[in-house]
């Protein structure tokens, strides 16, 4: 992959946030700004364009000036539906997806994922202990397989990514950058971070 190719950053903010009591996780504040904004601010210097995949409070997200992409499939079917909707509505071949609840994304994530792709259409982060398949660099070429996968009722991100020939990239040297905020207690803990 030529690093001069245009990559669009996508903040995934379309989930139900059940563990957050149904609150729109992307709009919860950490250190005085919404979680989604932390992710967008980390991605913006690395990418030509950043968009938001969201299903609720679209007017609030749109007020940011960024393009907002709602799911084309109803009933919050998960991050793969958000990814498909972005492929359907945004031009370009490459997309870096990142969930809104990962506020400490490294400022070199694009370069690292692209440099270690080795021809794969999908690569994702592995922090040394676990996979983070929604933090992924994905080529639009997987759109037909993704459409068929979702139409078959499948929703599991890792299985899909492996089926299309993807692989993980080691980020164990910066594991803490991939902490995500899933509960009110975790958000409170990170509010107190020095």
N, C-alpha and C. Protein backbone atom coordinates (compact mmCIF):
# COMPACT_ATOMS: atom_id res chain seq x y z
N UNK A 1 0.85 -1.19 0.00
CA UNK A 1 0.00 0.00 0.00
C UNK A 1 0.88 1.23 0.00
N UNK A 2 0.57 2.14 -0.86
CA UNK A 2 1.25 3.41 -0.91
C UNK A 2 0.62 4.33 0.14
N UNK A 3 1.43 4.84 1.04
CA UNK A 3 0.89 5.67 2.12
C UNK A 3 0.33 6.99 1.62
N UNK A 4 0.56 7.29 0.33
CA UNK A 4 -0.03 8.49 -0.24
C UNK A 4 -1.49 8.27 -0.66
N UNK A 5 -1.92 7.00 -0.66
CA UNK A 5 -3.32 6.72 -1.00
C UNK A 5 -4.22 7.37 0.04
N UNK A 6 -5.38 7.78 -0.42
CA UNK A 6 -6.33 8.43 0.49
C UNK A 6 -6.98 7.38 1.38
N UNK A 7 -6.92 7.61 2.66
CA UNK A 7 -7.58 6.76 3.64
C UNK A 7 -8.58 7.64 4.38
N UNK A 8 -9.80 7.17 4.50
CA UNK A 8 -10.83 7.89 5.24
C UNK A 8 -10.93 7.31 6.64
N UNK A 9 -10.88 8.17 7.63
CA UNK A 9 -11.07 7.74 9.01
C UNK A 9 -12.54 7.70 9.35
N UNK A 10 -12.94 6.67 10.10
CA UNK A 10 -14.34 6.51 10.48
C UNK A 10 -14.43 6.28 11.98
N UNK A 11 -15.13 7.17 12.68
CA UNK A 11 -15.41 6.99 14.10
C UNK A 11 -16.72 6.21 14.20
N UNK A 12 -16.66 5.00 14.74
CA UNK A 12 -17.85 4.17 14.91
C UNK A 12 -18.57 4.57 16.19
N UNK A 13 -19.72 5.21 16.04
CA UNK A 13 -20.49 5.68 17.20
C UNK A 13 -21.96 5.26 17.09
N UNK A 14 -22.21 4.11 16.46
CA UNK A 14 -23.58 3.72 16.19
C UNK A 14 -24.17 2.65 17.06
N UNK A 15 -23.48 2.27 18.14
CA UNK A 15 -23.96 1.16 18.96
C UNK A 15 -25.03 1.54 19.97
N UNK A 16 -25.57 0.50 20.60
CA UNK A 16 -26.62 0.69 21.61
C UNK A 16 -26.07 1.04 22.99
N UNK A 17 -24.81 0.72 23.26
CA UNK A 17 -24.16 1.01 24.55
C UNK A 17 -24.95 0.45 25.72
N UNK A 18 -25.29 -0.83 25.64
CA UNK A 18 -26.07 -1.47 26.71
C UNK A 18 -25.38 -1.36 28.07
N UNK A 19 -24.05 -1.56 28.09
CA UNK A 19 -23.33 -1.51 29.37
C UNK A 19 -23.22 -0.09 29.93
N UNK A 20 -23.55 0.89 29.11
CA UNK A 20 -23.58 2.28 29.56
C UNK A 20 -25.02 2.71 29.85
N UNK A 21 -25.89 1.75 30.03
CA UNK A 21 -27.28 2.07 30.32
C UNK A 21 -28.01 2.65 29.12
N UNK A 22 -27.49 2.40 27.92
CA UNK A 22 -28.14 2.89 26.71
C UNK A 22 -27.77 4.31 26.32
N UNK A 23 -26.91 4.95 27.11
CA UNK A 23 -26.47 6.31 26.76
C UNK A 23 -25.69 6.27 25.45
N UNK A 24 -25.75 7.32 24.67
CA UNK A 24 -24.97 7.41 23.44
C UNK A 24 -23.52 7.60 23.85
N UNK A 25 -22.76 6.51 23.79
CA UNK A 25 -21.40 6.50 24.32
C UNK A 25 -20.52 7.58 23.70
N UNK A 26 -20.67 7.80 22.42
CA UNK A 26 -19.84 8.79 21.75
C UNK A 26 -20.00 10.19 22.30
N UNK A 27 -21.15 10.48 22.90
CA UNK A 27 -21.42 11.82 23.43
C UNK A 27 -21.04 11.98 24.90
N UNK A 28 -20.67 10.88 25.56
CA UNK A 28 -20.23 10.99 26.95
C UNK A 28 -18.90 11.73 26.99
N UNK A 29 -18.71 12.55 28.00
CA UNK A 29 -17.51 13.38 28.04
C UNK A 29 -16.39 12.76 28.87
N UNK A 30 -15.18 12.93 28.37
CA UNK A 30 -13.96 12.56 29.05
C UNK A 30 -13.04 13.78 28.95
N UNK A 31 -12.61 14.27 30.08
CA UNK A 31 -11.74 15.45 30.11
C UNK A 31 -12.33 16.62 29.34
N UNK A 32 -13.64 16.79 29.46
CA UNK A 32 -14.29 17.97 28.91
C UNK A 32 -14.69 17.92 27.45
N UNK A 33 -14.48 16.78 26.78
CA UNK A 33 -14.95 16.68 25.40
C UNK A 33 -15.52 15.28 25.16
N UNK A 34 -16.44 15.18 24.19
CA UNK A 34 -17.09 13.89 23.93
C UNK A 34 -16.08 12.82 23.51
N UNK A 35 -16.37 11.57 23.86
CA UNK A 35 -15.48 10.47 23.51
C UNK A 35 -15.20 10.43 22.00
N UNK A 36 -16.23 10.63 21.18
CA UNK A 36 -16.01 10.55 19.74
C UNK A 36 -14.99 11.58 19.29
N UNK A 37 -14.98 12.74 19.92
CA UNK A 37 -14.07 13.83 19.53
C UNK A 37 -12.61 13.45 19.83
N UNK A 38 -12.38 12.73 20.93
CA UNK A 38 -11.01 12.27 21.23
C UNK A 38 -10.49 11.42 20.06
N UNK A 39 -11.34 10.52 19.58
CA UNK A 39 -10.94 9.63 18.48
C UNK A 39 -10.74 10.44 17.20
N UNK A 40 -11.68 11.29 16.86
CA UNK A 40 -11.57 12.10 15.64
C UNK A 40 -10.32 12.98 15.68
N UNK A 41 -10.03 13.56 16.84
CA UNK A 41 -8.86 14.42 16.97
C UNK A 41 -7.56 13.63 16.80
N UNK A 42 -7.55 12.37 17.25
CA UNK A 42 -6.36 11.53 17.08
C UNK A 42 -6.19 11.11 15.62
N UNK A 43 -7.29 10.88 14.93
CA UNK A 43 -7.22 10.42 13.54
C UNK A 43 -6.98 11.55 12.55
N UNK A 44 -7.53 12.73 12.80
CA UNK A 44 -7.51 13.83 11.82
C UNK A 44 -6.12 14.17 11.29
N UNK A 45 -5.07 14.27 12.13
CA UNK A 45 -3.76 14.61 11.57
C UNK A 45 -3.16 13.52 10.68
N UNK A 46 -3.70 12.31 10.78
CA UNK A 46 -3.17 11.18 10.03
C UNK A 46 -3.89 10.93 8.72
N UNK A 47 -5.06 11.56 8.54
CA UNK A 47 -5.94 11.22 7.43
C UNK A 47 -6.48 12.47 6.74
N UNK A 48 -6.86 12.31 5.47
CA UNK A 48 -7.42 13.44 4.73
C UNK A 48 -8.83 13.78 5.19
N UNK A 49 -9.60 12.76 5.55
CA UNK A 49 -11.00 12.94 5.90
C UNK A 49 -11.36 12.04 7.07
N UNK A 50 -12.23 12.55 7.95
CA UNK A 50 -12.80 11.75 9.04
C UNK A 50 -14.31 11.90 8.97
N UNK A 51 -15.03 10.79 9.07
CA UNK A 51 -16.49 10.79 9.11
C UNK A 51 -16.93 10.05 10.37
N UNK A 52 -18.21 10.18 10.69
CA UNK A 52 -18.77 9.53 11.88
C UNK A 52 -19.88 8.58 11.44
N UNK A 53 -19.82 7.35 11.92
CA UNK A 53 -20.90 6.38 11.73
C UNK A 53 -21.74 6.42 13.00
N UNK A 54 -22.99 6.89 12.90
CA UNK A 54 -23.85 7.05 14.08
C UNK A 54 -25.30 6.74 13.72
N UNK A 55 -26.07 6.40 14.74
CA UNK A 55 -27.49 6.08 14.54
C UNK A 55 -28.43 6.89 15.41
N UNK A 56 -27.90 7.58 16.39
CA UNK A 56 -28.74 8.39 17.28
C UNK A 56 -28.12 9.78 17.38
N UNK A 57 -28.93 10.74 17.77
CA UNK A 57 -28.45 12.12 17.98
C UNK A 57 -27.66 12.63 16.78
N UNK A 58 -28.16 12.32 15.60
CA UNK A 58 -27.45 12.69 14.37
C UNK A 58 -27.21 14.19 14.28
N UNK A 59 -28.17 14.99 14.76
CA UNK A 59 -28.00 16.44 14.71
C UNK A 59 -26.81 16.91 15.53
N UNK A 60 -26.57 16.28 16.66
CA UNK A 60 -25.43 16.66 17.50
C UNK A 60 -24.12 16.32 16.78
N UNK A 61 -24.04 15.12 16.23
CA UNK A 61 -22.83 14.75 15.49
C UNK A 61 -22.65 15.64 14.26
N UNK A 62 -23.73 15.95 13.55
CA UNK A 62 -23.63 16.78 12.35
C UNK A 62 -23.17 18.20 12.68
N UNK A 63 -23.47 18.67 13.87
CA UNK A 63 -23.04 20.01 14.28
C UNK A 63 -21.51 20.13 14.33
N UNK A 64 -20.82 19.00 14.35
CA UNK A 64 -19.35 19.00 14.36
C UNK A 64 -18.78 19.44 13.02
N UNK A 65 -19.61 19.39 11.97
CA UNK A 65 -19.12 19.70 10.63
C UNK A 65 -18.61 18.48 9.88
N UNK A 66 -18.49 17.34 10.56
CA UNK A 66 -18.07 16.12 9.90
C UNK A 66 -19.28 15.43 9.28
N UNK A 67 -19.03 14.69 8.21
CA UNK A 67 -20.10 13.93 7.57
C UNK A 67 -20.52 12.81 8.52
N UNK A 68 -21.83 12.61 8.65
CA UNK A 68 -22.38 11.57 9.53
C UNK A 68 -23.09 10.54 8.66
N UNK A 69 -22.75 9.27 8.88
CA UNK A 69 -23.30 8.17 8.10
C UNK A 69 -24.15 7.28 9.01
N UNK A 70 -25.48 7.29 8.86
CA UNK A 70 -26.31 6.36 9.63
C UNK A 70 -26.29 4.97 8.98
N UNK A 71 -26.56 3.94 9.78
CA UNK A 71 -26.62 2.58 9.25
C UNK A 71 -27.71 2.45 8.20
N UNK A 72 -27.42 1.71 7.15
CA UNK A 72 -28.42 1.44 6.12
C UNK A 72 -29.26 0.21 6.49
N UNK A 73 -28.86 -0.49 7.55
CA UNK A 73 -29.59 -1.66 8.05
C UNK A 73 -30.19 -1.28 9.40
N UNK A 74 -31.47 -1.54 9.59
CA UNK A 74 -32.16 -1.14 10.83
C UNK A 74 -31.79 -2.02 12.02
N UNK A 75 -32.15 -1.55 13.20
CA UNK A 75 -32.07 -2.31 14.46
C UNK A 75 -30.66 -2.52 15.01
N UNK A 76 -29.74 -1.60 14.77
CA UNK A 76 -28.42 -1.64 15.38
C UNK A 76 -27.74 -3.01 15.26
N UNK A 77 -27.51 -3.49 14.04
CA UNK A 77 -26.94 -4.83 13.91
C UNK A 77 -25.44 -4.94 14.18
N UNK A 78 -24.81 -3.89 14.64
CA UNK A 78 -23.41 -3.99 15.04
C UNK A 78 -22.46 -3.22 14.15
N UNK A 79 -21.17 -3.29 14.50
CA UNK A 79 -20.17 -2.48 13.79
C UNK A 79 -20.02 -2.83 12.32
N UNK A 80 -20.24 -4.09 11.95
CA UNK A 80 -20.12 -4.43 10.53
C UNK A 80 -21.15 -3.69 9.69
N UNK A 81 -22.34 -3.46 10.25
CA UNK A 81 -23.37 -2.69 9.52
C UNK A 81 -22.92 -1.25 9.34
N UNK A 82 -22.28 -0.69 10.34
CA UNK A 82 -21.73 0.66 10.20
C UNK A 82 -20.67 0.72 9.13
N UNK A 83 -19.81 -0.30 9.09
CA UNK A 83 -18.77 -0.36 8.08
C UNK A 83 -19.37 -0.44 6.68
N UNK A 84 -20.37 -1.31 6.51
CA UNK A 84 -21.02 -1.45 5.21
C UNK A 84 -21.67 -0.13 4.79
N UNK A 85 -22.32 0.54 5.71
CA UNK A 85 -22.97 1.82 5.40
C UNK A 85 -21.96 2.85 4.93
N UNK A 86 -20.79 2.86 5.55
CA UNK A 86 -19.73 3.78 5.12
C UNK A 86 -19.28 3.43 3.70
N UNK A 87 -19.06 2.15 3.42
CA UNK A 87 -18.68 1.75 2.06
C UNK A 87 -19.73 2.21 1.05
N UNK A 88 -21.00 2.14 1.43
CA UNK A 88 -22.09 2.49 0.52
C UNK A 88 -22.20 4.00 0.30
N UNK A 89 -21.75 4.80 1.25
CA UNK A 89 -22.02 6.24 1.20
C UNK A 89 -20.80 7.15 1.11
N UNK A 90 -19.60 6.59 1.20
CA UNK A 90 -18.39 7.41 1.18
C UNK A 90 -17.45 6.88 0.09
N UNK A 91 -16.95 7.77 -0.73
CA UNK A 91 -16.01 7.39 -1.79
C UNK A 91 -14.66 7.02 -1.18
N UNK A 92 -13.87 6.29 -1.94
CA UNK A 92 -12.53 5.92 -1.51
C UNK A 92 -12.36 4.42 -1.42
N UNK A 93 -11.11 4.00 -1.36
CA UNK A 93 -10.81 2.57 -1.31
C UNK A 93 -10.44 2.07 0.08
N UNK A 94 -9.84 2.93 0.89
CA UNK A 94 -9.34 2.51 2.21
C UNK A 94 -10.01 3.29 3.32
N UNK A 95 -10.30 2.57 4.41
CA UNK A 95 -10.98 3.17 5.57
C UNK A 95 -10.32 2.68 6.84
N UNK A 96 -10.05 3.60 7.74
CA UNK A 96 -9.57 3.24 9.07
C UNK A 96 -10.73 3.42 10.02
N UNK A 97 -11.24 2.31 10.54
CA UNK A 97 -12.36 2.34 11.47
C UNK A 97 -11.84 2.32 12.90
N UNK A 98 -12.50 3.09 13.76
CA UNK A 98 -12.13 3.12 15.17
C UNK A 98 -13.37 3.43 16.00
N UNK A 99 -13.65 2.64 17.03
CA UNK A 99 -14.83 2.91 17.86
C UNK A 99 -14.66 4.18 18.68
N UNK A 100 -15.79 4.80 18.96
CA UNK A 100 -15.79 6.07 19.70
C UNK A 100 -15.33 5.91 21.14
N UNK A 101 -15.28 4.68 21.65
CA UNK A 101 -14.91 4.49 23.06
C UNK A 101 -13.45 4.13 23.25
N UNK A 102 -12.61 4.44 22.28
CA UNK A 102 -11.16 4.25 22.36
C UNK A 102 -10.47 5.61 22.29
N UNK A 103 -10.50 6.38 23.37
CA UNK A 103 -10.05 7.77 23.31
C UNK A 103 -8.54 7.99 23.22
N UNK A 104 -7.74 6.94 23.36
CA UNK A 104 -6.28 7.13 23.39
C UNK A 104 -5.57 6.51 22.18
N UNK A 105 -6.21 6.52 21.05
CA UNK A 105 -5.66 5.94 19.82
C UNK A 105 -4.29 6.56 19.51
N UNK A 106 -3.30 5.72 19.16
CA UNK A 106 -1.96 6.26 18.86
C UNK A 106 -1.96 7.18 17.64
N UNK A 107 -1.07 8.13 17.67
CA UNK A 107 -0.98 9.11 16.59
C UNK A 107 -0.21 8.59 15.38
N UNK A 108 0.19 7.31 15.42
CA UNK A 108 0.85 6.71 14.26
C UNK A 108 0.14 5.44 13.81
N UNK A 109 -1.10 5.28 14.20
CA UNK A 109 -1.82 4.03 13.92
C UNK A 109 -1.97 3.78 12.42
N UNK A 110 -2.22 4.81 11.65
CA UNK A 110 -2.40 4.64 10.21
C UNK A 110 -1.13 4.10 9.57
N UNK A 111 0.00 4.74 9.85
CA UNK A 111 1.27 4.30 9.27
C UNK A 111 1.60 2.87 9.66
N UNK A 112 1.39 2.53 10.92
CA UNK A 112 1.74 1.19 11.39
C UNK A 112 0.86 0.12 10.76
N UNK A 113 -0.43 0.36 10.69
CA UNK A 113 -1.32 -0.63 10.07
C UNK A 113 -1.00 -0.78 8.59
N UNK A 114 -0.83 0.34 7.90
CA UNK A 114 -0.56 0.30 6.46
C UNK A 114 0.78 -0.37 6.15
N UNK A 115 1.79 -0.08 6.95
CA UNK A 115 3.13 -0.62 6.69
C UNK A 115 3.20 -2.13 6.89
N UNK A 116 2.34 -2.68 7.72
CA UNK A 116 2.40 -4.12 8.02
C UNK A 116 1.24 -4.90 7.39
N UNK A 117 0.58 -4.32 6.44
CA UNK A 117 -0.58 -4.93 5.81
C UNK A 117 -0.21 -6.14 4.95
N UNK A 118 0.90 -6.09 4.26
CA UNK A 118 1.40 -7.19 3.43
C UNK A 118 0.34 -7.72 2.46
N UNK A 119 -0.37 -6.81 1.81
CA UNK A 119 -1.33 -7.20 0.79
C UNK A 119 -2.70 -7.61 1.27
N UNK A 120 -2.91 -7.69 2.57
CA UNK A 120 -4.22 -8.09 3.10
C UNK A 120 -5.25 -6.98 2.90
N UNK A 121 -6.51 -7.33 2.65
CA UNK A 121 -7.54 -6.31 2.50
C UNK A 121 -8.04 -5.76 3.83
N UNK A 122 -7.67 -6.44 4.92
CA UNK A 122 -8.10 -6.04 6.26
C UNK A 122 -6.96 -6.32 7.23
N UNK A 123 -6.64 -5.33 8.07
CA UNK A 123 -5.75 -5.55 9.21
C UNK A 123 -6.34 -4.85 10.42
N UNK A 124 -6.10 -5.43 11.58
CA UNK A 124 -6.65 -4.87 12.81
C UNK A 124 -5.60 -4.91 13.91
N UNK A 125 -5.90 -4.24 14.98
CA UNK A 125 -4.99 -4.11 16.12
C UNK A 125 -5.08 -5.33 17.03
N UNK A 126 -3.91 -5.79 17.48
CA UNK A 126 -3.81 -6.77 18.57
C UNK A 126 -2.89 -6.13 19.61
N UNK A 127 -3.38 -6.01 20.85
CA UNK A 127 -2.61 -5.28 21.87
C UNK A 127 -1.63 -6.16 22.65
N UNK A 128 -1.41 -7.38 22.19
CA UNK A 128 -0.53 -8.29 22.89
C UNK A 128 -1.30 -9.32 23.71
N UNK A 129 -2.55 -8.98 24.03
CA UNK A 129 -3.41 -9.90 24.78
C UNK A 129 -4.69 -10.21 24.03
N UNK A 130 -5.24 -9.20 23.36
CA UNK A 130 -6.51 -9.43 22.68
C UNK A 130 -6.60 -8.64 21.38
N UNK A 131 -7.47 -9.15 20.53
CA UNK A 131 -7.74 -8.49 19.25
C UNK A 131 -8.68 -7.32 19.46
N UNK A 132 -8.53 -6.31 18.63
CA UNK A 132 -9.44 -5.16 18.58
C UNK A 132 -9.89 -5.03 17.12
N UNK A 133 -10.82 -5.90 16.70
CA UNK A 133 -11.17 -5.94 15.28
C UNK A 133 -11.93 -4.72 14.76
N UNK A 134 -12.45 -3.90 15.65
CA UNK A 134 -13.12 -2.69 15.16
C UNK A 134 -12.15 -1.52 15.02
N UNK A 135 -10.89 -1.74 15.38
CA UNK A 135 -9.84 -0.77 15.08
C UNK A 135 -9.08 -1.38 13.92
N UNK A 136 -9.50 -1.03 12.72
CA UNK A 136 -9.05 -1.77 11.55
C UNK A 136 -8.92 -0.90 10.31
N UNK A 137 -7.95 -1.25 9.49
CA UNK A 137 -7.77 -0.66 8.17
C UNK A 137 -8.38 -1.64 7.17
N UNK A 138 -9.38 -1.19 6.42
CA UNK A 138 -10.15 -2.09 5.57
C UNK A 138 -10.29 -1.51 4.16
N UNK A 139 -10.09 -2.38 3.18
CA UNK A 139 -10.27 -1.99 1.78
C UNK A 139 -11.70 -2.25 1.34
N UNK A 140 -12.20 -1.34 0.53
CA UNK A 140 -13.56 -1.45 0.01
C UNK A 140 -13.79 -2.76 -0.75
N UNK A 141 -12.75 -3.41 -1.21
CA UNK A 141 -12.91 -4.64 -2.00
C UNK A 141 -13.66 -5.73 -1.25
N UNK A 142 -13.76 -5.63 0.08
CA UNK A 142 -14.49 -6.64 0.86
C UNK A 142 -15.99 -6.36 0.91
N UNK A 143 -16.45 -5.27 0.31
CA UNK A 143 -17.87 -4.90 0.40
C UNK A 143 -18.81 -6.01 -0.07
N UNK A 144 -18.58 -6.68 -1.20
CA UNK A 144 -19.52 -7.75 -1.59
C UNK A 144 -19.60 -8.88 -0.56
N UNK A 145 -18.45 -9.29 -0.03
CA UNK A 145 -18.46 -10.34 1.00
C UNK A 145 -19.15 -9.87 2.27
N UNK A 146 -18.95 -8.60 2.62
CA UNK A 146 -19.58 -8.06 3.82
C UNK A 146 -21.10 -8.00 3.65
N UNK A 147 -21.54 -7.59 2.48
CA UNK A 147 -22.98 -7.55 2.21
C UNK A 147 -23.59 -8.94 2.36
N UNK A 148 -22.96 -9.93 1.76
CA UNK A 148 -23.47 -11.31 1.83
C UNK A 148 -23.44 -11.83 3.27
N UNK A 149 -22.40 -11.52 3.99
CA UNK A 149 -22.24 -11.97 5.38
C UNK A 149 -23.37 -11.42 6.25
N UNK A 150 -23.65 -10.13 6.11
CA UNK A 150 -24.72 -9.52 6.90
C UNK A 150 -26.09 -10.02 6.45
N UNK A 151 -26.28 -10.21 5.16
CA UNK A 151 -27.56 -10.73 4.66
C UNK A 151 -27.83 -12.15 5.16
N UNK A 152 -26.76 -12.89 5.46
CA UNK A 152 -26.89 -14.24 6.00
C UNK A 152 -27.18 -14.22 7.50
N UNK A 153 -27.26 -13.02 8.08
CA UNK A 153 -27.56 -12.90 9.51
C UNK A 153 -26.35 -12.94 10.41
N UNK A 154 -25.18 -12.97 9.82
CA UNK A 154 -23.94 -13.01 10.62
C UNK A 154 -23.60 -11.61 11.13
N UNK A 155 -22.96 -11.56 12.30
CA UNK A 155 -22.60 -10.28 12.90
C UNK A 155 -21.19 -10.27 13.50
N UNK A 156 -20.54 -11.42 13.59
CA UNK A 156 -19.25 -11.53 14.30
C UNK A 156 -18.11 -10.95 13.47
N UNK A 157 -17.52 -9.91 14.01
CA UNK A 157 -16.51 -9.13 13.29
C UNK A 157 -15.26 -9.96 12.99
N UNK A 158 -14.71 -10.65 14.01
CA UNK A 158 -13.46 -11.40 13.82
C UNK A 158 -13.61 -12.49 12.76
N UNK A 159 -14.73 -13.19 12.80
CA UNK A 159 -14.92 -14.27 11.82
C UNK A 159 -14.93 -13.69 10.41
N UNK A 160 -15.64 -12.59 10.22
CA UNK A 160 -15.66 -11.97 8.89
C UNK A 160 -14.26 -11.56 8.46
N UNK A 161 -13.54 -10.90 9.32
CA UNK A 161 -12.22 -10.38 8.94
C UNK A 161 -11.25 -11.50 8.59
N UNK A 162 -11.34 -12.60 9.29
CA UNK A 162 -10.49 -13.74 8.94
C UNK A 162 -10.93 -14.38 7.63
N UNK A 163 -12.24 -14.43 7.39
CA UNK A 163 -12.75 -15.02 6.15
C UNK A 163 -12.26 -14.28 4.91
N UNK A 164 -12.08 -12.97 5.03
CA UNK A 164 -11.64 -12.20 3.85
C UNK A 164 -10.12 -12.07 3.77
N UNK A 165 -9.40 -12.82 4.61
CA UNK A 165 -7.94 -12.85 4.52
C UNK A 165 -7.22 -11.79 5.32
N UNK A 166 -7.86 -11.28 6.36
CA UNK A 166 -7.22 -10.28 7.20
C UNK A 166 -6.31 -10.89 8.25
N UNK A 167 -5.53 -10.03 8.88
CA UNK A 167 -4.67 -10.48 9.98
C UNK A 167 -4.44 -9.34 10.96
N UNK A 168 -4.02 -9.71 12.16
CA UNK A 168 -3.77 -8.74 13.23
C UNK A 168 -2.37 -8.14 13.10
N UNK A 169 -2.23 -6.92 13.60
CA UNK A 169 -0.95 -6.23 13.68
C UNK A 169 -0.63 -6.01 15.15
N UNK A 170 0.59 -6.33 15.54
CA UNK A 170 1.00 -6.26 16.95
C UNK A 170 1.22 -4.81 17.39
N UNK A 171 0.46 -4.41 18.39
CA UNK A 171 0.61 -3.10 19.04
C UNK A 171 0.87 -3.29 20.53
N UNK A 172 1.53 -4.38 20.91
CA UNK A 172 1.74 -4.67 22.33
C UNK A 172 2.63 -3.62 23.00
N UNK A 173 3.39 -2.86 22.21
CA UNK A 173 4.25 -1.83 22.78
C UNK A 173 3.46 -0.62 23.27
N UNK A 174 2.18 -0.52 22.91
CA UNK A 174 1.36 0.60 23.36
C UNK A 174 -0.04 0.10 23.74
N UNK A 175 -0.07 -1.00 24.47
CA UNK A 175 -1.32 -1.68 24.84
C UNK A 175 -2.34 -0.74 25.47
N UNK A 176 -1.89 0.16 26.34
CA UNK A 176 -2.82 1.03 27.05
C UNK A 176 -3.55 2.00 26.12
N UNK A 177 -3.02 2.20 24.93
CA UNK A 177 -3.68 3.09 23.97
C UNK A 177 -5.01 2.51 23.47
N UNK A 178 -5.23 1.24 23.73
CA UNK A 178 -6.43 0.59 23.20
C UNK A 178 -7.45 0.26 24.28
N UNK A 179 -7.31 0.90 25.41
CA UNK A 179 -8.33 0.75 26.45
C UNK A 179 -9.62 1.34 25.91
N UNK A 180 -10.74 0.65 26.18
CA UNK A 180 -12.01 1.23 25.77
C UNK A 180 -12.89 1.45 26.99
N UNK A 181 -13.83 2.33 26.82
CA UNK A 181 -14.70 2.77 27.91
C UNK A 181 -16.07 2.14 27.70
N UNK A 182 -16.40 1.11 28.50
CA UNK A 182 -17.65 0.39 28.31
C UNK A 182 -18.69 0.61 29.39
N UNK A 183 -18.26 1.04 30.57
CA UNK A 183 -19.19 1.18 31.69
C UNK A 183 -19.01 2.56 32.33
N UNK A 184 -20.01 3.00 33.09
CA UNK A 184 -19.84 4.27 33.82
C UNK A 184 -18.64 4.24 34.76
N UNK A 185 -18.36 3.07 35.33
CA UNK A 185 -17.22 2.95 36.25
C UNK A 185 -15.89 3.15 35.51
N UNK A 186 -15.79 2.58 34.31
CA UNK A 186 -14.57 2.76 33.52
C UNK A 186 -14.40 4.22 33.11
N UNK A 187 -15.49 4.86 32.75
CA UNK A 187 -15.41 6.28 32.39
C UNK A 187 -14.94 7.10 33.58
N UNK A 188 -15.48 6.82 34.76
CA UNK A 188 -15.06 7.53 35.97
C UNK A 188 -13.58 7.30 36.26
N UNK A 189 -13.12 6.08 36.07
CA UNK A 189 -11.71 5.75 36.30
C UNK A 189 -10.81 6.58 35.38
N UNK A 190 -11.18 6.67 34.10
CA UNK A 190 -10.36 7.40 33.15
C UNK A 190 -10.47 8.91 33.32
N UNK A 191 -11.56 9.38 33.94
CA UNK A 191 -11.67 10.81 34.25
C UNK A 191 -10.58 11.21 35.23
N UNK A 192 -10.18 10.28 36.06
CA UNK A 192 -9.19 10.57 37.10
C UNK A 192 -7.76 10.32 36.64
N UNK A 193 -7.59 9.94 35.39
CA UNK A 193 -6.26 9.64 34.86
C UNK A 193 -5.42 10.92 34.83
N UNK A 194 -4.17 10.83 35.30
CA UNK A 194 -3.32 12.04 35.29
C UNK A 194 -2.94 12.47 33.89
